[in-house]
C-alpha atoms as a PDB file:
ATOM      1  CA  MET A   1     -10.916  92.597  44.783  1.00  0.00           C
ATOM      2  CA  ASN A   2     -14.434  94.034  44.564  1.00  0.00           C
ATOM      3  CA  LEU A   3     -16.998  91.706  46.195  1.00  0.00           C
ATOM      4  CA  TYR A   4     -19.278  91.705  43.156  1.00  0.00           C
ATOM      5  CA  LEU A   5     -16.413  90.743  40.849  1.00  0.00           C
ATOM      6  CA  ILE A   6     -15.842  87.711  43.073  1.00  0.00           C
ATOM      7  CA  LEU A   7     -19.558  86.864  42.999  1.00  0.00           C
ATOM      8  CA  ALA A   8     -19.557  87.064  39.187  1.00  0.00           C
ATOM      9  CA  LEU A   9     -16.581  84.687  39.038  1.00  0.00           C
ATOM     10  CA  ILE A  10     -18.232  82.200  41.431  1.00  0.00           C
ATOM     11  CA  SER A  11     -21.419  82.404  39.358  1.00  0.00           C
ATOM     12  CA  ALA A  12     -19.520  81.613  36.149  1.00  0.00           C
ATOM     13  CA  VAL A  13     -17.725  78.624  37.673  1.00  0.00           C
ATOM     14  CA  SER A  14     -20.982  77.353  39.212  1.00  0.00           C
ATOM     15  CA  MET A  15     -22.700  77.675  35.841  1.00  0.00           C
ATOM     16  CA  ALA A  16     -19.936  75.578  34.290  1.00  0.00           C
ATOM     17  CA  SER A  17     -20.636  72.734  36.708  1.00  0.00           C
ATOM     18  CA  SER A  18     -23.820  71.885  34.792  1.00  0.00           C
ATOM     19  CA  GLY A  19     -21.726  70.278  32.044  1.00  0.00           C
ATOM     20  CA  VAL A  20     -19.884  68.051  34.507  1.00  0.00           C
ATOM     21  CA  ILE A  21     -23.129  67.095  36.262  1.00  0.00           C
ATOM     22  CA  ALA A  22     -24.814  66.307  32.953  1.00  0.00           C
ATOM     23  CA  ARG A  23     -21.928  64.082  31.924  1.00  0.00           C
ATOM     24  CA  LEU A  24     -21.702  62.149  35.199  1.00  0.00           C
ATOM     25  CA  SER A  25     -25.400  61.913  36.081  1.00  0.00           C
ATOM     26  CA  GLY A  26     -26.822  60.687  32.787  1.00  0.00           C
ATOM     27  CA  LEU A  27     -29.913  62.887  33.268  1.00  0.00           C
ATOM     28  CA  ALA A  28     -31.860  63.899  30.175  1.00  0.00           C
ATOM     29  CA  PRO A  29     -31.329  67.565  29.197  1.00  0.00           C
ATOM     30  CA  ALA A  30     -34.913  68.658  29.950  1.00  0.00           C
ATOM     31  CA  GLU A  31     -34.864  66.877  33.323  1.00  0.00           C
ATOM     32  CA  LEU A  32     -31.520  68.400  34.242  1.00  0.00           C
ATOM     33  CA  THR A  33     -32.836  71.874  33.366  1.00  0.00           C
ATOM     34  CA  PHE A  34     -35.967  71.347  35.457  1.00  0.00           C
ATOM     35  CA  TYR A  35     -34.034  70.088  38.486  1.00  0.00           C
ATOM     36  CA  ARG A  36     -31.574  72.914  38.098  1.00  0.00           C
ATOM     37  CA  LEU A  37     -34.336  75.504  38.335  1.00  0.00           C
ATOM     38  CA  PHE A  38     -36.812  73.836  40.695  1.00  0.00           C
ATOM     39  CA  VAL A  39     -34.309  72.493  43.223  1.00  0.00           C
ATOM     40  CA  GLY A  40     -32.444  75.783  42.906  1.00  0.00           C
ATOM     41  CA  ALA A  41     -35.621  77.570  44.007  1.00  0.00           C
ATOM     42  CA  ILE A  42     -35.911  75.204  46.994  1.00  0.00           C
ATOM     43  CA  CYS A  43     -32.300  75.938  47.982  1.00  0.00           C
ATOM     44  CA  LEU A  44     -32.959  79.660  47.719  1.00  0.00           C
ATOM     45  CA  PHE A  45     -36.130  79.349  49.796  1.00  0.00           C
ATOM     46  CA  THR A  46     -34.095  77.524  52.451  1.00  0.00           C
ATOM     47  CA  LEU A  47     -31.634  80.439  52.478  1.00  0.00           C
ATOM     48  CA  VAL A  48     -34.527  82.862  52.913  1.00  0.00           C
ATOM     49  CA  LEU A  49     -35.770  80.876  55.918  1.00  0.00           C
ATOM     50  CA  LEU A  50     -32.299  80.778  57.471  1.00  0.00           C
ATOM     51  CA  LEU A  51     -31.944  84.542  57.046  1.00  0.00           C
ATOM     52  CA  GLY A  52     -35.456  85.150  58.379  1.00  0.00           C
ATOM     53  CA  LYS A  53     -36.416  87.175  55.309  1.00  0.00           C
ATOM     54  CA  GLN A  54     -39.672  85.438  54.397  1.00  0.00           C
ATOM     55  CA  ALA A  55     -41.370  88.829  54.130  1.00  0.00           C
ATOM     56  CA  GLU A  56     -39.340  89.592  50.978  1.00  0.00           C
ATOM     57  CA  LEU A  57     -41.052  86.726  49.127  1.00  0.00           C
ATOM     58  CA  LYS A  58     -44.544  87.919  50.047  1.00  0.00           C
ATOM     59  CA  GLN A  59     -44.225  90.802  47.634  1.00  0.00           C
ATOM     60  CA  LYS A  60     -45.967  89.821  44.406  1.00  0.00           C
ATOM     61  CA  PRO A  61     -43.518  89.553  41.466  1.00  0.00           C
ATOM     62  CA  ASP A  62     -44.110  92.154  38.782  1.00  0.00           C
ATOM     63  CA  ARG A  63     -44.121  91.630  35.033  1.00  0.00           C
ATOM     64  CA  ARG A  64     -40.383  92.194  34.734  1.00  0.00           C
ATOM     65  CA  ILE A  65     -39.603  89.311  37.088  1.00  0.00           C
ATOM     66  CA  VAL A  66     -42.046  87.070  35.214  1.00  0.00           C
ATOM     67  CA  LEU A  67     -40.361  88.033  31.935  1.00  0.00           C
ATOM     68  CA  ASN A  68     -36.926  87.297  33.415  1.00  0.00           C
ATOM     69  CA  GLY A  69     -38.092  83.824  34.490  1.00  0.00           C
ATOM     70  CA  VAL A  70     -39.404  83.108  31.001  1.00  0.00           C
ATOM     71  CA  LEU A  71     -36.143  84.329  29.451  1.00  0.00           C
ATOM     72  CA  LEU A  72     -34.143  82.143  31.846  1.00  0.00           C
ATOM     73  CA  ALA A  73     -36.000  78.989  30.814  1.00  0.00           C
ATOM     74  CA  SER A  74     -36.115  80.006  27.147  1.00  0.00           C
ATOM     75  CA  PHE A  75     -32.385  80.355  26.600  1.00  0.00           C
ATOM     76  CA  MET A  76     -31.752  76.977  28.261  1.00  0.00           C
ATOM     77  CA  LEU A  77     -34.460  75.175  26.293  1.00  0.00           C
ATOM     78  CA  CYS A  78     -33.597  76.836  22.969  1.00  0.00           C
ATOM     79  CA  PHE A  79     -29.968  75.845  23.417  1.00  0.00           C
ATOM     80  CA  LEU A  80     -30.956  72.217  24.088  1.00  0.00           C
ATOM     81  CA  LYS A  81     -33.191  72.279  21.020  1.00  0.00           C
ATOM     82  CA  ALA A  82     -30.434  73.804  18.873  1.00  0.00           C
ATOM     83  CA  ILE A  83     -27.935  71.042  19.606  1.00  0.00           C
ATOM     84  CA  SER A  84     -30.422  68.463  18.316  1.00  0.00           C
ATOM     85  CA  PHE A  85     -30.048  70.015  14.829  1.00  0.00           C
ATOM     86  CA  ILE A  86     -26.572  71.561  14.670  1.00  0.00           C
ATOM     87  CA  SER A  87     -23.163  70.784  16.129  1.00  0.00           C
ATOM     88  CA  LEU A  88     -22.488  71.544  19.782  1.00  0.00           C
ATOM     89  CA  ALA A  89     -19.667  73.901  18.757  1.00  0.00           C
ATOM     90  CA  ASN A  90     -22.001  75.995  16.584  1.00  0.00           C
ATOM     91  CA  ALA A  91     -24.703  76.146  19.266  1.00  0.00           C
ATOM     92  CA  ILE A  92     -22.233  77.135  21.986  1.00  0.00           C
ATOM     93  CA  MET A  93     -20.629  79.760  19.754  1.00  0.00           C
ATOM     94  CA  LEU A  94     -24.031  81.358  19.139  1.00  0.00           C
ATOM     95  CA  VAL A  95     -25.117  81.477  22.780  1.00  0.00           C
ATOM     96  CA  TYR A  96     -21.750  82.871  23.900  1.00  0.00           C
ATOM     97  CA  LEU A  97     -22.209  85.870  21.670  1.00  0.00           C
ATOM     98  CA  ALA A  98     -24.739  86.991  24.313  1.00  0.00           C
ATOM     99  CA  PRO A  99     -22.319  88.646  26.795  1.00  0.00           C
ATOM    100  CA  ALA A 100     -20.770  90.737  24.015  1.00  0.00           C
ATOM    101  CA  LEU A 101     -24.179  91.574  22.503  1.00  0.00           C
ATOM    102  CA  ALA A 102     -25.519  92.562  25.940  1.00  0.00           C
ATOM    103  CA  ALA A 103     -22.582  94.924  26.506  1.00  0.00           C
ATOM    104  CA  ILE A 104     -23.169  96.591  23.120  1.00  0.00           C
ATOM    105  CA  ALA A 105     -26.927  96.857  23.757  1.00  0.00           C
ATOM    106  CA  ALA A 106     -26.354  98.361  27.218  1.00  0.00           C
ATOM    107  CA  HIS A 107     -24.151 101.029  25.616  1.00  0.00           C
ATOM    108  CA  PHE A 108     -27.057 102.271  23.481  1.00  0.00           C
ATOM    109  CA  LEU A 109     -30.060 101.435  25.681  1.00  0.00           C
ATOM    110  CA  PHE A 110     -28.818 102.297  29.163  1.00  0.00           C
ATOM    111  CA  GLN A 111     -25.941 104.717  28.543  1.00  0.00           C
ATOM    112  CA  GLU A 112     -23.395 102.248  29.956  1.00  0.00           C
ATOM    113  CA  LYS A 113     -20.347 103.638  28.212  1.00  0.00           C
ATOM    114  CA  LEU A 114     -18.495 100.984  26.249  1.00  0.00           C
ATOM    115  CA  ASP A 115     -15.129 102.565  25.577  1.00  0.00           C
ATOM    116  CA  LEU A 116     -12.480 101.261  23.217  1.00  0.00           C
ATOM    117  CA  ALA A 117     -10.525  99.414  25.929  1.00  0.00           C
ATOM    118  CA  SER A 118     -13.580  97.591  27.283  1.00  0.00           C
ATOM    119  CA  GLY A 119     -14.777  96.740  23.787  1.00  0.00           C
ATOM    120  CA  LEU A 120     -11.391  95.291  22.860  1.00  0.00           C
ATOM    121  CA  LEU A 121     -11.318  93.221  26.060  1.00  0.00           C
ATOM    122  CA  ILE A 122     -14.742  91.738  25.315  1.00  0.00           C
ATOM    123  CA  ALA A 123     -13.615  90.953  21.767  1.00  0.00           C
ATOM    124  CA  LEU A 124     -10.441  89.387  23.197  1.00  0.00           C
ATOM    125  CA  SER A 125     -12.550  87.211  25.521  1.00  0.00           C
ATOM    126  CA  PHE A 126     -14.690  85.999  22.637  1.00  0.00           C
ATOM    127  CA  LEU A 127     -11.601  85.270  20.542  1.00  0.00           C
ATOM    128  CA  GLY A 128     -10.233  83.246  23.455  1.00  0.00           C
ATOM    129  CA  PHE A 129     -13.538  81.384  23.627  1.00  0.00           C
ATOM    130  CA  ALA A 130     -13.308  80.600  19.892  1.00  0.00           C
ATOM    131  CA  MET A 131      -9.803  79.246  20.526  1.00  0.00           C
ATOM    132  CA  LEU A 132     -11.216  76.973  23.240  1.00  0.00           C
ATOM    133  CA  GLN A 133     -13.576  75.628  20.576  1.00  0.00           C
ATOM    134  CA  GLN A 134     -10.546  75.301  18.262  1.00  0.00           C
ATOM    135  CA  PHE A 135     -12.522  77.238  15.648  1.00  0.00           C
ATOM    136  CA  LYS A 136     -14.537  74.096  14.848  1.00  0.00           C
ATOM    137  CA  LEU A 137     -17.532  75.638  13.094  1.00  0.00           C
ATOM    138  CA  ASP A 138     -19.789  74.386  10.337  1.00  0.00           C
ATOM    139  CA  LEU A 139     -20.015  77.514   8.230  1.00  0.00           C
ATOM    140  CA  VAL A 140     -22.334  75.927   5.655  1.00  0.00           C
ATOM    141  CA  LEU A 141     -25.650  74.678   7.047  1.00  0.00           C
ATOM    142  CA  THR A 142     -27.827  72.126   5.321  1.00  0.00           C
ATOM    143  CA  GLU A 143     -31.590  72.537   5.041  1.00  0.00           C
ATOM    144  CA  ALA A 144     -32.071  70.131   7.951  1.00  0.00           C
ATOM    145  CA  GLN A 145     -29.726  72.206  10.153  1.00  0.00           C
ATOM    146  CA  TRP A 146     -31.437  75.554   9.682  1.00  0.00           C
ATOM    147  CA  PRO A 147     -33.981  74.980  12.500  1.00  0.00           C
ATOM    148  CA  GLY A 148     -31.008  74.499  14.825  1.00  0.00           C
ATOM    149  CA  PHE A 149     -29.569  77.825  13.709  1.00  0.00           C
ATOM    150  CA  VAL A 150     -32.917  79.501  14.444  1.00  0.00           C
ATOM    151  CA  TYR A 151     -33.065  77.932  17.914  1.00  0.00           C
ATOM    152  CA  GLY A 152     -29.453  78.973  18.481  1.00  0.00           C
ATOM    153  CA  MET A 153     -30.306  82.572  17.599  1.00  0.00           C
ATOM    154  CA  LEU A 154     -33.311  82.442  19.941  1.00  0.00           C
ATOM    155  CA  SER A 155     -31.005  81.168  22.682  1.00  0.00           C
ATOM    156  CA  LEU A 156     -28.621  84.052  21.969  1.00  0.00           C
ATOM    157  CA  PHE A 157     -31.332  86.727  22.129  1.00  0.00           C
ATOM    158  CA  THR A 158     -33.109  85.312  25.190  1.00  0.00           C
ATOM    159  CA  TYR A 159     -29.811  84.995  27.098  1.00  0.00           C
ATOM    160  CA  THR A 160     -28.968  88.575  26.112  1.00  0.00           C
ATOM    161  CA  GLY A 161     -32.397  89.678  27.304  1.00  0.00           C
ATOM    162  CA  PHE A 162     -31.911  87.834  30.587  1.00  0.00           C
ATOM    163  CA  LEU A 163     -28.614  89.659  31.218  1.00  0.00           C
ATOM    164  CA  LEU A 164     -30.015  93.083  30.338  1.00  0.00           C
ATOM    165  CA  ALA A 165     -33.279  92.625  32.249  1.00  0.00           C
ATOM    166  CA  ASN A 166     -31.467  91.641  35.434  1.00  0.00           C
ATOM    167  CA  ARG A 167     -28.925  94.419  35.018  1.00  0.00           C
ATOM    168  CA  HIS A 168     -31.700  97.034  34.956  1.00  0.00           C
ATOM    169  CA  SER A 169     -34.353  95.569  37.238  1.00  0.00           C
ATOM    170  CA  GLY A 170     -36.493  97.343  39.800  1.00  0.00           C
ATOM    171  CA  LYS A 171     -34.490  98.799  42.676  1.00  0.00           C
ATOM    172  CA  SER A 172     -37.303  98.096  45.179  1.00  0.00           C
ATOM    173  CA  GLU A 173     -37.058  94.336  44.686  1.00  0.00           C
ATOM    174  CA  SER A 174     -34.542  92.320  46.663  1.00  0.00           C
ATOM    175  CA  PRO A 175     -32.173  89.918  44.869  1.00  0.00           C
ATOM    176  CA  LEU A 176     -33.645  87.069  46.936  1.00  0.00           C
ATOM    177  CA  GLN A 177     -37.132  87.798  45.649  1.00  0.00           C
ATOM    178  CA  ARG A 178     -36.060  88.232  42.034  1.00  0.00           C
ATOM    179  CA  ALA A 179     -33.942  85.074  42.002  1.00  0.00           C
ATOM    180  CA  PHE A 180     -36.571  82.926  43.727  1.00  0.00           C
ATOM    181  CA  TYR A 181     -39.425  83.832  41.393  1.00  0.00           C
ATOM    182  CA  GLN A 182     -37.251  83.628  38.296  1.00  0.00           C
ATOM    183  CA  LEU A 183     -36.206  80.088  39.232  1.00  0.00           C
ATOM    184  CA  ILE A 184     -39.801  79.032  39.999  1.00  0.00           C
ATOM    185  CA  ILE A 185     -41.221  80.588  36.826  1.00  0.00           C
ATOM    186  CA  GLY A 186     -38.394  79.077  34.776  1.00  0.00           C
ATOM    187  CA  ALA A 187     -39.105  75.624  36.219  1.00  0.00           C
ATOM    188  CA  LEU A 188     -42.801  75.958  35.364  1.00  0.00           C
ATOM    189  CA  CYS A 189     -41.867  76.879  31.789  1.00  0.00           C
ATOM    190  CA  VAL A 190     -39.711  73.733  31.478  1.00  0.00           C
ATOM    191  CA  LEU A 191     -42.317  71.396  32.988  1.00  0.00           C
ATOM    192  CA  PRO A 192     -44.396  70.950  29.770  1.00  0.00           C
ATOM    193  CA  PHE A 193     -41.282  69.757  27.919  1.00  0.00           C
ATOM    194  CA  LEU A 194     -40.748  66.786  30.220  1.00  0.00           C
ATOM    195  CA  SER A 195     -41.878  63.486  28.743  1.00  0.00           C
ATOM    196  CA  ALA A 196     -42.680  62.036  32.185  1.00  0.00           C
ATOM    197  CA  ALA A 197     -43.016  63.162  35.788  1.00  0.00           C
ATOM    198  CA  PRO A 198     -39.492  64.077  36.997  1.00  0.00           C
ATOM    199  CA  ILE A 199     -39.291  61.686  39.954  1.00  0.00           C
ATOM    200  CA  PRO A 200     -35.590  60.994  40.585  1.00  0.00           C
ATOM    201  CA  GLY A 201     -34.380  57.580  41.676  1.00  0.00           C
ATOM    202  CA  LYS A 202     -32.096  56.935  44.628  1.00  0.00           C
ATOM    203  CA  ASP A 203     -29.034  56.797  42.382  1.00  0.00           C
ATOM    204  CA  THR A 204     -29.721  60.259  40.963  1.00  0.00           C
ATOM    205  CA  LEU A 205     -30.760  62.152  44.102  1.00  0.00           C
ATOM    206  CA  LEU A 206     -27.246  63.439  44.714  1.00  0.00           C
ATOM    207  CA  TRP A 207     -26.963  64.714  41.139  1.00  0.00           C
ATOM    208  CA  VAL A 208     -30.384  66.344  41.390  1.00  0.00           C
ATOM    209  CA  PHE A 209     -29.261  68.241  44.490  1.00  0.00           C
ATOM    210  CA  LEU A 210     -25.928  69.231  42.939  1.00  0.00           C
ATOM    211  CA  ALA A 211     -27.679  70.450  39.774  1.00  0.00           C
ATOM    212  CA  GLY A 212     -30.042  72.566  41.836  1.00  0.00           C
ATOM    213  CA  PHE A 213     -27.417  73.943  44.193  1.00  0.00           C
ATOM    214  CA  PHE A 214     -24.470  74.869  41.947  1.00  0.00           C
ATOM    215  CA  PRO A 215     -25.674  75.753  38.390  1.00  0.00           C
ATOM    216  CA  GLY A 216     -29.149  76.512  39.736  1.00  0.00           C
ATOM    217  CA  PHE A 217     -29.262  78.361  43.049  1.00  0.00           C
ATOM    218  CA  LEU A 218     -25.660  79.535  43.349  1.00  0.00           C
ATOM    219  CA  ALA A 219     -25.065  80.466  39.699  1.00  0.00           C
ATOM    220  CA  ILE A 220     -28.359  82.288  39.101  1.00  0.00           C
ATOM    221  CA  TYR A 221     -28.610  84.053  42.466  1.00  0.00           C
ATOM    222  CA  LEU A 222     -25.029  85.309  42.411  1.00  0.00           C
ATOM    223  CA  ALA A 223     -25.406  86.393  38.773  1.00  0.00           C
ATOM    224  CA  ILE A 224     -28.486  88.436  39.675  1.00  0.00           C
ATOM    225  CA  VAL A 225     -26.664  90.060  42.613  1.00  0.00           C
ATOM    226  CA  ALA A 226     -23.556  90.791  40.545  1.00  0.00           C
ATOM    227  CA  LEU A 227     -25.517  92.153  37.584  1.00  0.00           C
ATOM    228  CA  ALA A 228     -27.206  94.673  39.864  1.00  0.00           C
ATOM    229  CA  HIS A 229     -23.816  96.191  40.763  1.00  0.00           C
ATOM    230  CA  LEU A 230     -21.477  95.562  37.825  1.00  0.00           C
ATOM    231  CA  PRO A 231     -21.619  97.200  34.393  1.00  0.00           C
ATOM    232  CA  THR A 232     -22.754  94.809  31.675  1.00  0.00           C
ATOM    233  CA  ARG A 233     -19.360  95.016  29.936  1.00  0.00           C
ATOM    234  CA  VAL A 234     -17.582  93.809  33.095  1.00  0.00           C
ATOM    235  CA  PHE A 235     -20.011  90.987  33.834  1.00  0.00           C
ATOM    236  CA  GLY A 236     -19.993  90.008  30.167  1.00  0.00           C
ATOM    237  CA  THR A 237     -16.211  89.679  30.115  1.00  0.00           C
ATOM    238  CA  LEU A 238     -16.173  87.599  33.301  1.00  0.00           C
ATOM    239  CA  ALA A 239     -18.907  85.338  31.896  1.00  0.00           C
ATOM    240  CA  TYR A 240     -16.293  83.798  29.584  1.00  0.00           C
ATOM    241  CA  ILE A 241     -14.686  82.240  32.657  1.00  0.00           C
ATOM    242  CA  GLU A 242     -17.469  79.627  32.420  1.00  0.00           C
ATOM    243  CA  PRO A 243     -16.148  77.856  29.279  1.00  0.00           C
ATOM    244  CA  VAL A 244     -12.643  78.058  30.769  1.00  0.00           C
ATOM    245  CA  ALA A 245     -13.928  76.206  33.841  1.00  0.00           C
ATOM    246  CA  VAL A 246     -15.616  73.609  31.607  1.00  0.00           C
ATOM    247  CA  ILE A 247     -12.415  72.982  29.649  1.00  0.00           C
ATOM    248  CA  LEU A 248     -10.290  72.737  32.797  1.00  0.00           C
ATOM    249  CA  ALA A 249     -12.810  70.405  34.447  1.00  0.00           C
ATOM    250  CA  GLY A 250     -12.655  68.109  31.418  1.00  0.00           C
ATOM    251  CA  TRP A 251      -8.861  68.072  31.665  1.00  0.00           C
ATOM    252  CA  TRP A 252      -8.847  67.467  35.424  1.00  0.00           C
ATOM    253  CA  LEU A 253     -11.752  65.035  35.849  1.00  0.00           C
ATOM    254  CA  PHE A 254     -11.876  63.192  32.540  1.00  0.00           C
ATOM    255  CA  GLY A 255      -8.257  63.242  31.417  1.00  0.00           C
ATOM    256  CA  GLU A 256      -9.002  65.282  28.305  1.00  0.00           C
ATOM    257  CA  THR A 257      -5.957  66.822  26.654  1.00  0.00           C
ATOM    258  CA  LEU A 258      -5.600  70.539  26.042  1.00  0.00           C
ATOM    259  CA  SER A 259      -4.076  71.679  22.777  1.00  0.00           C
ATOM    260  CA  PRO A 260      -1.730  74.695  22.648  1.00  0.00           C
ATOM    261  CA  LEU A 261      -4.563  76.622  20.943  1.00  0.00           C
ATOM    262  CA  GLN A 262      -6.917  75.899  23.848  1.00  0.00           C
ATOM    263  CA  LEU A 263      -4.270  76.831  26.419  1.00  0.00           C
ATOM    264  CA  GLY A 264      -3.821  80.120  24.578  1.00  0.00           C
ATOM    265  CA  GLY A 265      -7.581  80.670  24.727  1.00  0.00           C
ATOM    266  CA  VAL A 266      -7.589  80.023  28.484  1.00  0.00           C
ATOM    267  CA  ALA A 267      -4.792  82.526  29.013  1.00  0.00           C
ATOM    268  CA  MET A 268      -6.492  85.120  26.793  1.00  0.00           C
ATOM    269  CA  ILE A 269      -9.814  84.919  28.648  1.00  0.00           C
ATOM    270  CA  LEU A 270      -8.163  85.082  32.066  1.00  0.00           C
ATOM    271  CA  LEU A 271      -6.069  88.078  30.985  1.00  0.00           C
ATOM    272  CA  ALA A 272      -9.093  89.916  29.570  1.00  0.00           C
ATOM    273  CA  GLY A 273     -11.104  89.260  32.732  1.00  0.00           C
ATOM    274  CA  LEU A 274      -8.264  90.465  34.956  1.00  0.00           C
ATOM    275  CA  VAL A 275      -7.690  93.673  32.987  1.00  0.00           C
ATOM    276  CA  GLN A 276     -11.438  94.404  32.762  1.00  0.00           C
ATOM    277  CA  SER A 277     -11.728  93.957  36.530  1.00  0.00           C
ATOM    278  CA  LEU A 278      -8.775  96.289  37.169  1.00  0.00           C
ATOM    279  CA  LEU A 279     -10.237  98.941  34.867  1.00  0.00           C
ATOM    280  CA  HIS A 280     -13.568  98.708  36.678  1.00  0.00           C
ATOM    281  CA  GLN A 281     -11.975  99.140  40.099  1.00  0.00           C
ATOM    282  CA  GLN A 282     -10.011 102.179  38.915  1.00  0.00           C
ATOM    283  CA  GLN A 283     -13.162 103.950  37.736  1.00  0.00           C
ATOM    284  CA  LYS A 284     -14.437 105.944  40.715  1.00  0.00           C
ATOM    285  CA  PRO A 285     -17.744 107.807  40.450  1.00  0.00           C
ATOM    286  CA  VAL A 286     -17.581 111.552  40.698  1.00  0.00           C
ATOM    287  CA  ARG A 287     -19.116 112.859  43.917  1.00  0.00           C
ATOM    288  CA  THR A 288     -22.043 115.143  43.183  1.00  0.00           C
ATOM    289  CA  ASP A 289     -21.600 117.002  46.473  1.00  0.00           C
ATOM    290  CA  LEU A 290     -18.164 118.173  45.314  1.00  0.00           C
ATOM    291  CA  GLN A 291     -19.570 119.222  41.959  1.00  0.00           C
ATOM    292  CA  HIS A 292     -22.083 121.559  43.553  1.00  0.00           C
ATOM    293  CA  ARG A 293     -19.944 122.854  46.432  1.00  0.00           C
ATOM    294  CA  PRO A 294     -19.727 126.674  46.363  1.00  0.00           C
ATOM    295  CA  GLN A 295     -16.376 128.063  45.363  1.00  0.00           C
ATOM    296  CA  PRO A 296     -14.514 130.049  48.040  1.00  0.00           C
END
């Protein structure tokens, strides 16, 4: 399998670990988000030191990297704000429209061809995701819930922007540099939303590290690397592996039961991801040197 497909899958599973960590650690949402970004940046800096690539971080981040960091923090914070007004199912359904929306936007903005097969596979992934949620949606919102809908839409658009911005970032910047500064800038954006200084106690240090390493460093860095090499439609389809991992973790770790509808959703997402990956690997770029070779 293509290396970048594997990296996208690892990123999705690592991203899913944030739900397990949140449930077991008892950390407040804003604190968990801060640790995820700040400790993630420390982990990435450690990797840079081990690789001896400190020079890559000396390059000043440009406005695109700053924007990506703001988008990273924004979609996390807007999602947390949304669930304080509307149901978790509604908020999750909104934010997981982002991979599909990003693939459609890339088709028009960046000439990433979204053919019928790829479009159907993305739609199939989203349908599978809706099955995981068991179609539990509040279709009628009260006046008090409308702010949550607005925050949910902001989370959707900022997550979409994050995917697109990292897909079409500057070629001169290394993934290490882009990931490091996005994590640092994202952490700085979250800092004002903390009610107190985030000083973890001894009983939470392990969870702080896990939050920074898996859904922070590993998930974000590998997503940035994968997005630089995979079409948005492929990455977007594989992104739906994250809710599958969350559902399976709940079944395995917490003894939660899976309904036949949810099992069908799991199978549908896995099938769509597999077929999308196979289609991507079969698409070979045309060599320009053959196009312009003189005819005998």
